[in-house]
Amino acid sequence: MSAKGIFCQTKAATNEEYRRELIGRNWKLALLCAVGIAVSATAALAWRGEVSGLPDYMMGVYCGAGAGIALAGGLIGGIFYPILVKAVLFIVYVFLFSYLVARKVYEKRM
């Protein structure tokens, strides 16, 4: 199964058909985000409850993968809703800024 063009191609000939396609695409995006959130939340709960036999680094991998899937859904949705892309970029910029500040602080302490 190829995912090429999953949110790009259209066979709609009228505005009404295109509207129905967009509604379907929005459901796919919502499902993609929900799967990512579910994976991340399940991993986080298992990590906190220590019910899993997996090592800590693998739980971190699952948390990160779930967050990545949810973020990918947001970015794809940003094609239709540009405010989502701005929100994601804002979060990335805040992370980078806090990383640079933390790095400078730790460099001074060493």
PDB file of N, CA and C in Angstrom:
ATOM      1  N   MET A   1       0.840  -1.181   0.000  1.00  0.00           N
ATOM      2  CA  MET A   1       0.000   0.000   0.000  1.00  0.00           C
ATOM      3  C   MET A   1       0.882   1.241   0.000  1.00  0.00           C
ATOM      4  N   SER A   2       0.622   2.131  -0.903  1.00  0.00           N
ATOM      5  CA  SER A   2       1.408   3.351  -1.029  1.00  0.00           C
ATOM      6  C   SER A   2       0.653   4.514  -0.409  1.00  0.00           C
ATOM      7  N   ALA A   3       1.353   5.325   0.371  1.00  0.00           N
ATOM      8  CA  ALA A   3       0.735   6.492   0.986  1.00  0.00           C
ATOM      9  C   ALA A   3       0.967   7.746   0.146  1.00  0.00           C
ATOM     10  N   LYS A   4       1.475   7.574  -1.061  1.00  0.00           N
ATOM     11  CA  LYS A   4       1.773   8.719  -1.910  1.00  0.00           C
ATOM     12  C   LYS A   4       0.484   9.448  -2.276  1.00  0.00           C
ATOM     13  N   GLY A   5       0.439  10.718  -1.977  1.00  0.00           N
ATOM     14  CA  GLY A   5      -0.715  11.536  -2.348  1.00  0.00           C
ATOM     15  C   GLY A   5      -1.944  11.314  -1.505  1.00  0.00           C
ATOM     16  N   ILE A   6      -1.778  10.821  -0.280  1.00  0.00           N
ATOM     17  CA  ILE A   6      -2.947  10.502   0.533  1.00  0.00           C
ATOM     18  C   ILE A   6      -3.799  11.743   0.827  1.00  0.00           C
ATOM     19  N   PHE A   7      -3.172  12.899   0.957  1.00  0.00           N
ATOM     20  CA  PHE A   7      -3.920  14.120   1.216  1.00  0.00           C
ATOM     21  C   PHE A   7      -3.809  15.120   0.071  1.00  0.00           C
ATOM     22  N   CYS A   8      -3.287  14.695  -1.065  1.00  0.00           N
ATOM     23  CA  CYS A   8      -3.009  15.634  -2.140  1.00  0.00           C
ATOM     24  C   CYS A   8      -3.899  15.468  -3.365  1.00  0.00           C
ATOM     25  N   GLN A   9      -4.199  14.249  -3.751  1.00  0.00           N
ATOM     26  CA  GLN A   9      -4.928  14.034  -4.993  1.00  0.00           C
ATOM     27  C   GLN A   9      -6.419  14.205  -4.789  1.00  0.00           C
ATOM     28  N   THR A  10      -7.099  14.617  -5.851  1.00  0.00           N
ATOM     29  CA  THR A  10      -8.547  14.761  -5.808  1.00  0.00           C
ATOM     30  C   THR A  10      -9.137  14.374  -7.149  1.00  0.00           C
ATOM     31  N   LYS A  11     -10.323  13.800  -7.085  1.00  0.00           N
ATOM     32  CA  LYS A  11     -11.067  13.467  -8.292  1.00  0.00           C
ATOM     33  C   LYS A  11     -12.364  14.263  -8.351  1.00  0.00           C
ATOM     34  N   ALA A  12     -12.462  15.259  -7.485  1.00  0.00           N
ATOM     35  CA  ALA A  12     -13.686  16.053  -7.411  1.00  0.00           C
ATOM     36  C   ALA A  12     -13.831  16.943  -8.639  1.00  0.00           C
ATOM     37  N   ALA A  13     -15.048  16.981  -9.148  1.00  0.00           N
ATOM     38  CA  ALA A  13     -15.332  17.816 -10.306  1.00  0.00           C
ATOM     39  C   ALA A  13     -16.113  19.068  -9.912  1.00  0.00           C
ATOM     40  N   THR A  14     -16.779  19.015  -8.763  1.00  0.00           N
ATOM     41  CA  THR A  14     -17.567  20.167  -8.320  1.00  0.00           C
ATOM     42  C   THR A  14     -17.137  20.567  -6.915  1.00  0.00           C
ATOM     43  N   ASN A  15     -17.588  21.704  -6.480  1.00  0.00           N
ATOM     44  CA  ASN A  15     -17.272  22.174  -5.132  1.00  0.00           C
ATOM     45  C   ASN A  15     -17.867  21.254  -4.066  1.00  0.00           C
ATOM     46  N   GLU A  16     -19.051  20.746  -4.321  1.00  0.00           N
ATOM     47  CA  GLU A  16     -19.702  19.853  -3.354  1.00  0.00           C
ATOM     48  C   GLU A  16     -18.913  18.552  -3.175  1.00  0.00           C
ATOM     49  N   GLU A  17     -18.423  17.998  -4.265  1.00  0.00           N
ATOM     50  CA  GLU A  17     -17.611  16.784  -4.174  1.00  0.00           C
ATOM     51  C   GLU A  17     -16.305  17.056  -3.436  1.00  0.00           C
ATOM     52  N   TYR A  18     -15.711  18.204  -3.700  1.00  0.00           N
ATOM     53  CA  TYR A  18     -14.469  18.560  -3.023  1.00  0.00           C
ATOM     54  C   TYR A  18     -14.702  18.788  -1.530  1.00  0.00           C
ATOM     55  N   ARG A  19     -15.847  19.363  -1.191  1.00  0.00           N
ATOM     56  CA  ARG A  19     -16.181  19.569   0.221  1.00  0.00           C
ATOM     57  C   ARG A  19     -16.299  18.227   0.932  1.00  0.00           C
ATOM     58  N   ARG A  20     -16.930  17.244   0.295  1.00  0.00           N
ATOM     59  CA  ARG A  20     -17.056  15.912   0.882  1.00  0.00           C
ATOM     60  C   ARG A  20     -15.682  15.256   1.040  1.00  0.00           C
ATOM     61  N   GLU A  21     -14.802  15.467   0.089  1.00  0.00           N
ATOM     62  CA  GLU A  21     -13.437  14.928   0.200  1.00  0.00           C
ATOM     63  C   GLU A  21     -12.690  15.563   1.367  1.00  0.00           C
ATOM     64  N   LEU A  22     -12.844  16.875   1.532  1.00  0.00           N
ATOM     65  CA  LEU A  22     -12.172  17.541   2.644  1.00  0.00           C
ATOM     66  C   LEU A  22     -12.681  17.050   3.987  1.00  0.00           C
ATOM     67  N   ILE A  23     -13.965  16.797   4.078  1.00  0.00           N
ATOM     68  CA  ILE A  23     -14.521  16.258   5.327  1.00  0.00           C
ATOM     69  C   ILE A  23     -13.898  14.895   5.618  1.00  0.00           C
ATOM     70  N   GLY A  24     -13.785  14.059   4.593  1.00  0.00           N
ATOM     71  CA  GLY A  24     -13.134  12.762   4.772  1.00  0.00           C
ATOM     72  C   GLY A  24     -11.679  12.885   5.178  1.00  0.00           C
ATOM     73  N   ARG A  25     -10.984  13.819   4.573  1.00  0.00           N
ATOM     74  CA  ARG A  25      -9.577  14.027   4.919  1.00  0.00           C
ATOM     75  C   ARG A  25      -9.439  14.504   6.361  1.00  0.00           C
ATOM     76  N   ASN A  26     -10.336  15.365   6.789  1.00  0.00           N
ATOM     77  CA  ASN A  26     -10.274  15.853   8.164  1.00  0.00           C
ATOM     78  C   ASN A  26     -10.445  14.714   9.155  1.00  0.00           C
ATOM     79  N   TRP A  27     -11.310  13.753   8.833  1.00  0.00           N
ATOM     80  CA  TRP A  27     -11.476  12.596   9.708  1.00  0.00           C
ATOM     81  C   TRP A  27     -10.203  11.771   9.748  1.00  0.00           C
ATOM     82  N   LYS A  28      -9.534  11.634   8.606  1.00  0.00           N
ATOM     83  CA  LYS A  28      -8.265  10.897   8.582  1.00  0.00           C
ATOM     84  C   LYS A  28      -7.210  11.600   9.435  1.00  0.00           C
ATOM     85  N   LEU A  29      -7.171  12.922   9.373  1.00  0.00           N
ATOM     86  CA  LEU A  29      -6.217  13.676  10.183  1.00  0.00           C
ATOM     87  C   LEU A  29      -6.522  13.533  11.661  1.00  0.00           C
ATOM     88  N   ALA A  30      -7.790  13.604  12.001  1.00  0.00           N
ATOM     89  CA  ALA A  30      -8.187  13.448  13.402  1.00  0.00           C
ATOM     90  C   ALA A  30      -7.814  12.055  13.904  1.00  0.00           C
ATOM     91  N   LEU A  31      -8.007  11.041  13.066  1.00  0.00           N
ATOM     92  CA  LEU A  31      -7.641   9.682  13.442  1.00  0.00           C
ATOM     93  C   LEU A  31      -6.129   9.557  13.624  1.00  0.00           C
ATOM     94  N   LEU A  32      -5.361  10.164  12.738  1.00  0.00           N
ATOM     95  CA  LEU A  32      -3.903  10.134  12.845  1.00  0.00           C
ATOM     96  C   LEU A  32      -3.441  10.791  14.147  1.00  0.00           C
ATOM     97  N   CYS A  33      -3.999  11.933  14.480  1.00  0.00           N
ATOM     98  CA  CYS A  33      -3.652  12.611  15.734  1.00  0.00           C
ATOM     99  C   CYS A  33      -4.070  11.774  16.939  1.00  0.00           C
ATOM    100  N   ALA A  34      -5.262  11.178  16.873  1.00  0.00           N
ATOM    101  CA  ALA A  34      -5.744  10.367  17.988  1.00  0.00           C
ATOM    102  C   ALA A  34      -4.860   9.146  18.215  1.00  0.00           C
ATOM    103  N   VAL A  35      -4.413   8.506  17.143  1.00  0.00           N
ATOM    104  CA  VAL A  35      -3.515   7.353  17.278  1.00  0.00           C
ATOM    105  C   VAL A  35      -2.202   7.784  17.937  1.00  0.00           C
ATOM    106  N   GLY A  36      -1.659   8.905  17.498  1.00  0.00           N
ATOM    107  CA  GLY A  36      -0.417   9.398  18.087  1.00  0.00           C
ATOM    108  C   GLY A  36      -0.563   9.728  19.558  1.00  0.00           C
ATOM    109  N   ILE A  37      -1.652  10.378  19.904  1.00  0.00           N
ATOM    110  CA  ILE A  37      -1.899  10.717  21.312  1.00  0.00           C
ATOM    111  C   ILE A  37      -2.106   9.454  22.132  1.00  0.00           C
ATOM    112  N   ALA A  38      -2.820   8.482  21.575  1.00  0.00           N
ATOM    113  CA  ALA A  38      -3.062   7.236  22.296  1.00  0.00           C
ATOM    114  C   ALA A  38      -1.761   6.467  22.543  1.00  0.00           C
ATOM    115  N   VAL A  39      -0.898   6.402  21.537  1.00  0.00           N
ATOM    116  CA  VAL A  39       0.383   5.705  21.708  1.00  0.00           C
ATOM    117  C   VAL A  39       1.222   6.398  22.772  1.00  0.00           C
ATOM    118  N   SER A  40       1.297   7.716  22.693  1.00  0.00           N
ATOM    119  CA  SER A  40       2.094   8.470  23.648  1.00  0.00           C
ATOM    120  C   SER A  40       1.531   8.358  25.059  1.00  0.00           C
ATOM    121  N   ALA A  41       0.216   8.465  25.196  1.00  0.00           N
ATOM    122  CA  ALA A  41      -0.412   8.388  26.510  1.00  0.00           C
ATOM    123  C   ALA A  41      -0.270   6.994  27.115  1.00  0.00           C
ATOM    124  N   THR A  42      -0.441   5.964  26.303  1.00  0.00           N
ATOM    125  CA  THR A  42      -0.282   4.595  26.799  1.00  0.00           C
ATOM    126  C   THR A  42       1.136   4.347  27.288  1.00  0.00           C
ATOM    127  N   ALA A  43       2.102   4.808  26.522  1.00  0.00           N
ATOM    128  CA  ALA A  43       3.498   4.638  26.929  1.00  0.00           C
ATOM    129  C   ALA A  43       3.792   5.415  28.207  1.00  0.00           C
ATOM    130  N   ALA A  44       3.262   6.628  28.311  1.00  0.00           N
ATOM    131  CA  ALA A  44       3.498   7.438  29.508  1.00  0.00           C
ATOM    132  C   ALA A  44       2.856   6.796  30.737  1.00  0.00           C
ATOM    133  N   LEU A  45       1.647   6.280  30.588  1.00  0.00           N
ATOM    134  CA  LEU A  45       0.988   5.623  31.716  1.00  0.00           C
ATOM    135  C   LEU A  45       1.716   4.349  32.127  1.00  0.00           C
ATOM    136  N   ALA A  46       2.170   3.574  31.163  1.00  0.00           N
ATOM    137  CA  ALA A  46       2.915   2.362  31.478  1.00  0.00           C
ATOM    138  C   ALA A  46       4.244   2.702  32.149  1.00  0.00           C
ATOM    139  N   TRP A  47       4.845   3.789  31.723  1.00  0.00           N
ATOM    140  CA  TRP A  47       6.114   4.219  32.298  1.00  0.00           C
ATOM    141  C   TRP A  47       5.942   4.631  33.753  1.00  0.00           C
ATOM    142  N   ARG A  48       4.878   5.407  34.017  1.00  0.00           N
ATOM    143  CA  ARG A  48       4.631   5.869  35.382  1.00  0.00           C
ATOM    144  C   ARG A  48       4.240   4.719  36.300  1.00  0.00           C
ATOM    145  N   GLY A  49       3.407   3.809  35.780  1.00  0.00           N
ATOM    146  CA  GLY A  49       2.952   2.702  36.603  1.00  0.00           C
ATOM    147  C   GLY A  49       3.938   1.551  36.668  1.00  0.00           C
ATOM    148  N   GLU A  50       4.963   1.604  35.846  1.00  0.00           N
ATOM    149  CA  GLU A  50       5.990   0.580  35.771  1.00  0.00           C
ATOM    150  C   GLU A  50       5.387  -0.814  35.622  1.00  0.00           C
ATOM    151  N   VAL A  51       4.334  -0.920  34.802  1.00  0.00           N
ATOM    152  CA  VAL A  51       3.693  -2.212  34.569  1.00  0.00           C
ATOM    153  C   VAL A  51       4.282  -2.914  33.355  1.00  0.00           C
ATOM    154  N   SER A  52       5.086  -2.223  32.628  1.00  0.00           N
ATOM    155  CA  SER A  52       5.654  -2.773  31.401  1.00  0.00           C
ATOM    156  C   SER A  52       6.986  -3.448  31.702  1.00  0.00           C
ATOM    157  N   GLY A  53       7.285  -4.484  30.935  1.00  0.00           N
ATOM    158  CA  GLY A  53       8.570  -5.145  31.072  1.00  0.00           C
ATOM    159  C   GLY A  53       9.631  -4.506  30.193  1.00  0.00           C
ATOM    160  N   LEU A  54       9.278  -3.418  29.510  1.00  0.00           N
ATOM    161  CA  LEU A  54      10.225  -2.751  28.605  1.00  0.00           C
ATOM    162  C   LEU A  54      11.168  -1.842  29.384  1.00  0.00           C
ATOM    163  N   PRO A  55      12.393  -1.680  28.899  1.00  0.00           N
ATOM    164  CA  PRO A  55      13.322  -0.740  29.543  1.00  0.00           C
ATOM    165  C   PRO A  55      12.849   0.708  29.372  1.00  0.00           C
ATOM    166  N   ASP A  56      13.397   1.564  30.201  1.00  0.00           N
ATOM    167  CA  ASP A  56      12.991   2.973  30.177  1.00  0.00           C
ATOM    168  C   ASP A  56      13.231   3.637  28.836  1.00  0.00           C
ATOM    169  N   TYR A  57      14.342   3.326  28.187  1.00  0.00           N
ATOM    170  CA  TYR A  57      14.631   3.993  26.920  1.00  0.00           C
ATOM    171  C   TYR A  57      13.608   3.609  25.852  1.00  0.00           C
ATOM    172  N   MET A  58      13.087   2.377  25.901  1.00  0.00           N
ATOM    173  CA  MET A  58      12.064   1.985  24.932  1.00  0.00           C
ATOM    174  C   MET A  58      10.745   2.704  25.202  1.00  0.00           C
ATOM    175  N   MET A  59      10.440   2.924  26.467  1.00  0.00           N
ATOM    176  CA  MET A  59       9.233   3.683  26.787  1.00  0.00           C
ATOM    177  C   MET A  59       9.370   5.115  26.270  1.00  0.00           C
ATOM    178  N   GLY A  60      10.569   5.663  26.354  1.00  0.00           N
ATOM    179  CA  GLY A  60      10.821   6.984  25.791  1.00  0.00           C
ATOM    180  C   GLY A  60      10.663   7.003  24.284  1.00  0.00           C
ATOM    181  N   VAL A  61      11.082   5.905  23.649  1.00  0.00           N
ATOM    182  CA  VAL A  61      10.923   5.802  22.197  1.00  0.00           C
ATOM    183  C   VAL A  61       9.437   5.805  21.837  1.00  0.00           C
ATOM    184  N   TYR A  62       8.647   5.035  22.572  1.00  0.00           N
ATOM    185  CA  TYR A  62       7.212   4.989  22.278  1.00  0.00           C
ATOM    186  C   TYR A  62       6.538   6.331  22.554  1.00  0.00           C
ATOM    187  N   CYS A  63       6.923   7.002  23.626  1.00  0.00           N
ATOM    188  CA  CYS A  63       6.364   8.334  23.901  1.00  0.00           C
ATOM    189  C   CYS A  63       6.722   9.302  22.771  1.00  0.00           C
ATOM    190  N   GLY A  64       7.962   9.254  22.341  1.00  0.00           N
ATOM    191  CA  GLY A  64       8.404  10.133  21.259  1.00  0.00           C
ATOM    192  C   GLY A  64       7.736   9.800  19.936  1.00  0.00           C
ATOM    193  N   ALA A  65       7.560   8.508  19.656  1.00  0.00           N
ATOM    194  CA  ALA A  65       6.901   8.107  18.408  1.00  0.00           C
ATOM    195  C   ALA A  65       5.447   8.565  18.399  1.00  0.00           C
ATOM    196  N   GLY A  66       4.768   8.416  19.521  1.00  0.00           N
ATOM    197  CA  GLY A  66       3.376   8.866  19.600  1.00  0.00           C
ATOM    198  C   GLY A  66       3.260  10.369  19.419  1.00  0.00           C
ATOM    199  N   ALA A  67       4.172  11.104  20.056  1.00  0.00           N
ATOM    200  CA  ALA A  67       4.153  12.558  19.890  1.00  0.00           C
ATOM    201  C   ALA A  67       4.458  12.934  18.450  1.00  0.00           C
ATOM    202  N   GLY A  68       5.377  12.210  17.818  1.00  0.00           N
ATOM    203  CA  GLY A  68       5.713  12.481  16.421  1.00  0.00           C
ATOM    204  C   GLY A  68       4.542  12.227  15.493  1.00  0.00           C
ATOM    205  N   ILE A  69       3.810  11.144  15.733  1.00  0.00           N
ATOM    206  CA  ILE A  69       2.643  10.842  14.906  1.00  0.00           C
ATOM    207  C   ILE A  69       1.586  11.927  15.066  1.00  0.00           C
ATOM    208  N   ALA A  70       1.335  12.340  16.317  1.00  0.00           N
ATOM    209  CA  ALA A  70       0.347  13.392  16.550  1.00  0.00           C
ATOM    210  C   ALA A  70       0.785  14.702  15.901  1.00  0.00           C
ATOM    211  N   LEU A  71       2.061  15.014  15.995  1.00  0.00           N
ATOM    212  CA  LEU A  71       2.587  16.236  15.387  1.00  0.00           C
ATOM    213  C   LEU A  71       2.498  16.184  13.871  1.00  0.00           C
ATOM    214  N   ALA A  72       2.755  15.007  13.298  1.00  0.00           N
ATOM    215  CA  ALA A  72       2.644  14.855  11.844  1.00  0.00           C
ATOM    216  C   ALA A  72       1.212  15.106  11.389  1.00  0.00           C
ATOM    217  N   GLY A  73       0.256  14.602  12.163  1.00  0.00           N
ATOM    218  CA  GLY A  73      -1.144  14.867  11.832  1.00  0.00           C
ATOM    219  C   GLY A  73      -1.456  16.353  11.881  1.00  0.00           C
ATOM    220  N   GLY A  74      -0.870  17.056  12.872  1.00  0.00           N
ATOM    221  CA  GLY A  74      -1.078  18.500  12.956  1.00  0.00           C
ATOM    222  C   GLY A  74      -0.453  19.243  11.805  1.00  0.00           C
ATOM    223  N   LEU A  75       0.730  18.777  11.388  1.00  0.00           N
ATOM    224  CA  LEU A  75       1.392  19.451  10.266  1.00  0.00           C
ATOM    225  C   LEU A  75       0.654  19.225   8.955  1.00  0.00           C
ATOM    226  N   ILE A  76       0.175  18.002   8.756  1.00  0.00           N
ATOM    227  CA  ILE A  76      -0.598  17.738   7.548  1.00  0.00           C
ATOM    228  C   ILE A  76      -1.890  18.539   7.585  1.00  0.00           C
ATOM    229  N   GLY A  77      -2.499  18.628   8.756  1.00  0.00           N
ATOM    230  CA  GLY A  77      -3.708  19.435   8.901  1.00  0.00           C
ATOM    231  C   GLY A  77      -3.432  20.904   8.681  1.00  0.00           C
ATOM    232  N   GLY A  78      -2.185  21.312   8.903  1.00  0.00           N
ATOM    233  CA  GLY A  78      -1.813  22.703   8.693  1.00  0.00           C
ATOM    234  C   GLY A  78      -1.916  23.132   7.248  1.00  0.00           C
ATOM    235  N   ILE A  79      -1.935  22.154   6.344  1.00  0.00           N
ATOM    236  CA  ILE A  79      -2.130  22.484   4.938  1.00  0.00           C
ATOM    237  C   ILE A  79      -3.493  23.140   4.769  1.00  0.00           C
ATOM    238  N   PHE A  80      -4.458  22.647   5.540  1.00  0.00           N
ATOM    239  CA  PHE A  80      -5.815  23.178   5.466  1.00  0.00           C
ATOM    240  C   PHE A  80      -6.047  24.289   6.486  1.00  0.00           C
ATOM    241  N   TYR A  81      -5.320  24.238   7.606  1.00  0.00           N
ATOM    242  CA  TYR A  81      -5.476  25.228   8.670  1.00  0.00           C
ATOM    243  C   TYR A  81      -4.106  25.820   8.995  1.00  0.00           C
ATOM    244  N   PRO A  82      -3.744  26.932   8.377  1.00  0.00           N
ATOM    245  CA  PRO A  82      -2.396  27.493   8.578  1.00  0.00           C
ATOM    246  C   PRO A  82      -2.090  27.866  10.024  1.00  0.00           C
ATOM    247  N   ILE A  83      -3.104  28.113  10.839  1.00  0.00           N
ATOM    248  CA  ILE A  83      -2.844  28.467  12.237  1.00  0.00           C
ATOM    249  C   ILE A  83      -2.200  27.306  12.983  1.00  0.00           C
ATOM    250  N   LEU A  84      -2.475  26.067  12.558  1.00  0.00           N
ATOM    251  CA  LEU A  84      -1.843  24.910  13.192  1.00  0.00           C
ATOM    252  C   LEU A  84      -0.344  24.886  12.935  1.00  0.00           C
ATOM    253  N   VAL A  85       0.055  25.234  11.735  1.00  0.00           N
ATOM    254  CA  VAL A  85       1.489  25.279  11.421  1.00  0.00           C
ATOM    255  C   VAL A  85       2.162  26.352  12.261  1.00  0.00           C
ATOM    256  N   LYS A  86       1.516  27.493  12.409  1.00  0.00           N
ATOM    257  CA  LYS A  86       2.091  28.553  13.240  1.00  0.00           C
ATOM    258  C   LYS A  86       2.226  28.110  14.687  1.00  0.00           C
ATOM    259  N   ALA A  87       1.242  27.377  15.201  1.00  0.00           N
ATOM    260  CA  ALA A  87       1.308  26.889  16.580  1.00  0.00           C
ATOM    261  C   ALA A  87       2.443  25.882  16.753  1.00  0.00           C
ATOM    262  N   VAL A  88       2.588  24.971  15.808  1.00  0.00           N
ATOM    263  CA  VAL A  88       3.661  23.977  15.891  1.00  0.00           C
ATOM    264  C   VAL A  88       5.024  24.662  15.795  1.00  0.00           C
ATOM    265  N   LEU A  89       5.165  25.602  14.893  1.00  0.00           N
ATOM    266  CA  LEU A  89       6.436  26.315  14.782  1.00  0.00           C
ATOM    267  C   LEU A  89       6.748  27.104  16.043  1.00  0.00           C
ATOM    268  N   PHE A  90       5.739  27.682  16.665  1.00  0.00           N
ATOM    269  CA  PHE A  90       5.939  28.402  17.923  1.00  0.00           C
ATOM    270  C   PHE A  90       6.481  27.456  18.991  1.00  0.00           C
ATOM    271  N   ILE A  91       5.923  26.251  19.067  1.00  0.00           N
ATOM    272  CA  ILE A  91       6.385  25.273  20.047  1.00  0.00           C
ATOM    273  C   ILE A  91       7.832  24.882  19.757  1.00  0.00           C
ATOM    274  N   VAL A  92       8.156  24.687  18.494  1.00  0.00           N
ATOM    275  CA  VAL A  92       9.531  24.342  18.120  1.00  0.00           C
ATOM    276  C   VAL A  92      10.482  25.471  18.496  1.00  0.00           C
ATOM    277  N   TYR A  93      10.102  26.706  18.227  1.00  0.00           N
ATOM    278  CA  TYR A  93      10.965  27.842  18.560  1.00  0.00           C
ATOM    279  C   TYR A  93      11.157  27.972  20.065  1.00  0.00           C
ATOM    280  N   VAL A  94      10.099  27.757  20.840  1.00  0.00           N
ATOM    281  CA  VAL A  94      10.221  27.810  22.304  1.00  0.00           C
ATOM    282  C   VAL A  94      11.182  26.726  22.778  1.00  0.00           C
ATOM    283  N   PHE A  95      11.064  25.517  22.214  1.00  0.00           N
ATOM    284  CA  PHE A  95      11.969  24.438  22.592  1.00  0.00           C
ATOM    285  C   PHE A  95      13.415  24.798  22.267  1.00  0.00           C
ATOM    286  N   LEU A  96      13.654  25.300  21.051  1.00  0.00           N
ATOM    287  CA  LEU A  96      15.024  25.645  20.661  1.00  0.00           C
ATOM    288  C   LEU A  96      15.591  26.745  21.545  1.00  0.00           C
ATOM    289  N   PHE A  97      14.779  27.747  21.850  1.00  0.00           N
ATOM    290  CA  PHE A  97      15.238  28.833  22.715  1.00  0.00           C
ATOM    291  C   PHE A  97      15.575  28.304  24.104  1.00  0.00           C
ATOM    292  N   SER A  98      14.701  27.469  24.679  1.00  0.00           N
ATOM    293  CA  SER A  98      14.973  26.934  26.014  1.00  0.00           C
ATOM    294  C   SER A  98      16.191  26.017  25.999  1.00  0.00           C
ATOM    295  N   TYR A  99      16.391  25.283  24.907  1.00  0.00           N
ATOM    296  CA  TYR A  99      17.570  24.435  24.789  1.00  0.00           C
ATOM    297  C   TYR A  99      18.840  25.282  24.777  1.00  0.00           C
ATOM    298  N   LEU A 100      18.833  26.367  24.003  1.00  0.00           N
ATOM    299  CA  LEU A 100      20.019  27.221  23.930  1.00  0.00           C
ATOM    300  C   LEU A 100      20.320  27.870  25.282  1.00  0.00           C
ATOM    301  N   VAL A 101      19.277  28.303  25.984  1.00  0.00           N
ATOM    302  CA  VAL A 101      19.480  28.909  27.302  1.00  0.00           C
ATOM    303  C   VAL A 101      20.054  27.874  28.268  1.00  0.00           C
ATOM    304  N   ALA A 102      19.471  26.665  28.274  1.00  0.00           N
ATOM    305  CA  ALA A 102      19.958  25.620  29.175  1.00  0.00           C
ATOM    306  C   ALA A 102      21.402  25.248  28.848  1.00  0.00           C
ATOM    307  N   ARG A 103      21.732  25.198  27.584  1.00  0.00           N
ATOM    308  CA  ARG A 103      23.102  24.848  27.192  1.00  0.00           C
ATOM    309  C   ARG A 103      24.092  25.902  27.688  1.00  0.00           C
ATOM    310  N   LYS A 104      23.727  27.184  27.536  1.00  0.00           N
ATOM    311  CA  LYS A 104      24.614  28.258  28.000  1.00  0.00           C
ATOM    312  C   LYS A 104      24.786  28.185  29.515  1.00  0.00           C
ATOM    313  N   VAL A 105      23.714  27.923  30.231  1.00  0.00           N
ATOM    314  CA  VAL A 105      23.788  27.845  31.700  1.00  0.00           C
ATOM    315  C   VAL A 105      24.700  26.688  32.109  1.00  0.00           C
ATOM    316  N   TYR A 106      24.521  25.529  31.502  1.00  0.00           N
ATOM    317  CA  TYR A 106      25.355  24.382  31.864  1.00  0.00           C
ATOM    318  C   TYR A 106      26.797  24.547  31.421  1.00  0.00           C
ATOM    319  N   GLU A 107      27.057  25.243  30.336  1.00  0.00           N
ATOM    320  CA  GLU A 107      28.435  25.494  29.919  1.00  0.00           C
ATOM    321  C   GLU A 107      29.150  26.377  30.930  1.00  0.00           C
ATOM    322  N   LYS A 108      28.448  27.344  31.496  1.00  0.00           N
ATOM    323  CA  LYS A 108      29.049  28.217  32.495  1.00  0.00           C
ATOM    324  C   LYS A 108      29.354  27.460  33.782  1.00  0.00           C
ATOM    325  N   ARG A 109      28.513  26.487  34.119  1.00  0.00           N
ATOM    326  CA  ARG A 109      28.735  25.713  35.352  1.00  0.00           C
ATOM    327  C   ARG A 109      29.883  24.743  35.216  1.00  0.00           C
ATOM    328  N   MET A 110      30.189  24.314  34.008  1.00  0.00           N
ATOM    329  CA  MET A 110      31.273  23.340  33.826  1.00  0.00           C
ATOM    330  C   MET A 110      32.528  24.087  33.713  1.00  0.00           C
TER     331      MET A 110
END
